[in-house]
Amino acid sequence: MKKLLIIIVMIAIGTITPVQKTHAQIPIVDIIKAAVKAVINAVHLQIQRQQNKIIWLQNAQKTVENTMSKLKLDEICDWVKSKRRCIKIIMKSFKRSSRLFLTSNGSKMLHRSRSV
């Protein structure tokens, strides 16, 4: 019974007293921790480089798309200008022909009225 009481007291004291970290760890653990940190940093840097490449490629793609859009808009603008020129030419020729028609029609009417 005394032995049981001593064991219980020892367990109680062991659980109540604060546990301090041991500073004298095995050196291999520190080396492994340092190696793992170095690997994690290296992987992180590689990921960042890949992300930077992707961002650069996306920006290049955006520039190409903007240039293509500008070229397409320039084509449309040129097409509209050519159509406007064509319409102006058509309108001028229509005005000329309508003047000729009116003047020739008017002179015919004058000839008819004189002859009557």
Protein backbone atom coordinates (compact mmCIF):
# COMPACT_ATOMS: atom_id res chain seq x y z
CA MET A 1 0.00 0.00 0.00
CA LYS A 2 2.87 2.32 0.78
CA LYS A 3 4.38 1.61 -2.64
CA LEU A 4 1.10 2.43 -4.36
CA LEU A 5 0.83 5.69 -2.45
CA ILE A 6 4.40 6.63 -3.36
CA ILE A 7 3.72 5.89 -7.05
CA ILE A 8 0.54 8.01 -7.01
CA VAL A 9 2.36 10.90 -5.33
CA MET A 10 5.20 10.66 -7.86
CA ILE A 11 2.74 10.69 -10.78
CA ALA A 12 0.91 13.67 -9.29
CA ILE A 13 4.15 15.58 -8.79
CA GLY A 14 5.23 14.69 -12.33
CA THR A 15 2.03 16.00 -13.84
CA ILE A 16 1.87 19.15 -11.72
CA THR A 17 5.45 20.34 -12.17
CA PRO A 18 6.08 22.31 -15.37
CA VAL A 19 8.01 20.59 -18.06
CA GLN A 20 10.91 22.52 -19.53
CA LYS A 21 12.08 22.07 -23.07
CA THR A 22 15.40 20.52 -23.44
CA HIS A 23 17.73 22.77 -25.35
CA ALA A 24 20.27 20.13 -26.04
CA GLN A 25 18.43 18.44 -28.89
CA ILE A 26 20.01 15.99 -31.15
CA PRO A 27 21.94 17.98 -33.80
CA ILE A 28 20.52 15.92 -36.65
CA VAL A 29 17.03 17.25 -35.89
CA ASP A 30 18.23 20.84 -36.34
CA ILE A 31 19.96 19.91 -39.57
CA ILE A 32 16.80 18.22 -40.87
CA LYS A 33 14.67 21.24 -39.89
CA ALA A 34 17.05 23.58 -41.70
CA ALA A 35 17.05 21.35 -44.78
CA VAL A 36 13.23 21.18 -44.81
CA LYS A 37 13.01 24.98 -44.50
CA ALA A 38 15.49 25.39 -47.36
CA VAL A 39 13.50 22.99 -49.55
CA ILE A 40 10.24 24.77 -48.74
CA ASN A 41 11.79 28.16 -49.57
CA ALA A 42 13.23 26.80 -52.83
CA VAL A 43 9.87 25.34 -53.86
CA HIS A 44 8.16 28.60 -52.92
CA LEU A 45 10.61 30.59 -55.06
CA GLN A 46 10.07 28.22 -58.00
CA ILE A 47 6.31 28.65 -57.68
CA GLN A 48 6.72 32.44 -57.61
CA ARG A 49 8.91 32.32 -60.72
CA GLN A 50 6.31 30.23 -62.52
CA GLN A 51 3.57 32.63 -61.45
CA ASN A 52 5.64 35.57 -62.72
CA LYS A 53 6.10 33.81 -66.07
CA ILE A 54 2.37 33.18 -66.30
CA ILE A 55 1.60 36.82 -65.47
CA TRP A 56 4.12 37.96 -68.10
CA LEU A 57 2.54 35.66 -70.69
CA GLN A 58 -0.94 36.90 -69.80
CA ASN A 59 0.20 40.50 -70.23
CA ALA A 60 1.78 39.63 -73.58
CA GLN A 61 -1.45 37.94 -74.67
CA LYS A 62 -3.45 41.00 -73.63
CA THR A 63 -1.11 43.24 -75.63
CA VAL A 64 -1.47 41.05 -78.71
CA GLU A 65 -5.26 40.98 -78.35
CA ASN A 66 -5.38 44.77 -77.99
CA THR A 67 -3.20 45.19 -81.08
CA MET A 68 -5.40 42.81 -83.05
CA SER A 69 -8.53 44.67 -81.92
CA LYS A 70 -6.99 48.00 -82.97
CA LEU A 71 -6.10 46.56 -86.38
CA LYS A 72 -9.63 45.25 -86.79
CA LEU A 73 -11.07 48.63 -85.80
CA ASP A 74 -8.73 50.34 -88.27
CA GLU A 75 -9.96 47.97 -91.00
CA ILE A 76 -13.56 48.80 -90.14
CA CYS A 77 -12.77 52.52 -90.13
CA ASP A 78 -11.12 52.26 -93.55
CA TRP A 79 -14.11 50.31 -94.88
CA VAL A 80 -16.51 52.96 -93.59
CA LYS A 81 -14.41 55.74 -95.17
CA SER A 82 -14.39 53.97 -98.53
CA LYS A 83 -18.16 53.48 -98.38
CA ARG A 84 -18.62 57.16 -97.54
CA ARG A 85 -16.47 58.09 -100.54
CA CYS A 86 -18.54 55.81 -102.77
CA ILE A 87 -21.79 57.29 -101.46
CA LYS A 88 -20.49 60.84 -102.07
CA ILE A 89 -19.56 59.93 -105.64
CA ILE A 90 -22.94 58.32 -106.22
CA MET A 91 -24.75 61.33 -104.74
CA LYS A 92 -22.75 63.74 -106.92
CA SER A 93 -23.52 61.75 -110.04
CA PHE A 94 -27.18 61.53 -109.00
CA LYS A 95 -27.33 65.31 -108.55
CA ARG A 96 -25.70 65.85 -111.96
CA SER A 97 -28.03 63.44 -113.67
CA SER A 98 -31.08 64.90 -111.94
CA ARG A 99 -30.02 68.44 -113.02
CA LEU A 100 -29.50 67.21 -116.54
CA PHE A 101 -32.85 65.50 -116.45
CA LEU A 102 -34.57 68.59 -115.11
CA THR A 103 -32.89 70.95 -117.55
CA SER A 104 -33.50 68.68 -120.52
CA ASN A 105 -37.06 68.06 -119.39
CA GLY A 106 -37.60 71.77 -118.89
CA SER A 107 -36.31 72.63 -122.33
CA LYS A 108 -38.56 69.98 -123.86
CA MET A 109 -41.51 71.48 -122.00
CA LEU A 110 -40.54 74.91 -123.29
CA HIS A 111 -40.40 73.60 -126.84
CA ARG A 112 -43.78 71.97 -126.41
CA SER A 113 -45.39 75.09 -124.97
CA ARG A 114 -43.99 77.24 -127.78
CA SER A 115 -45.12 74.84 -130.40
CA VAL A 116 -48.66 74.75 -129.06
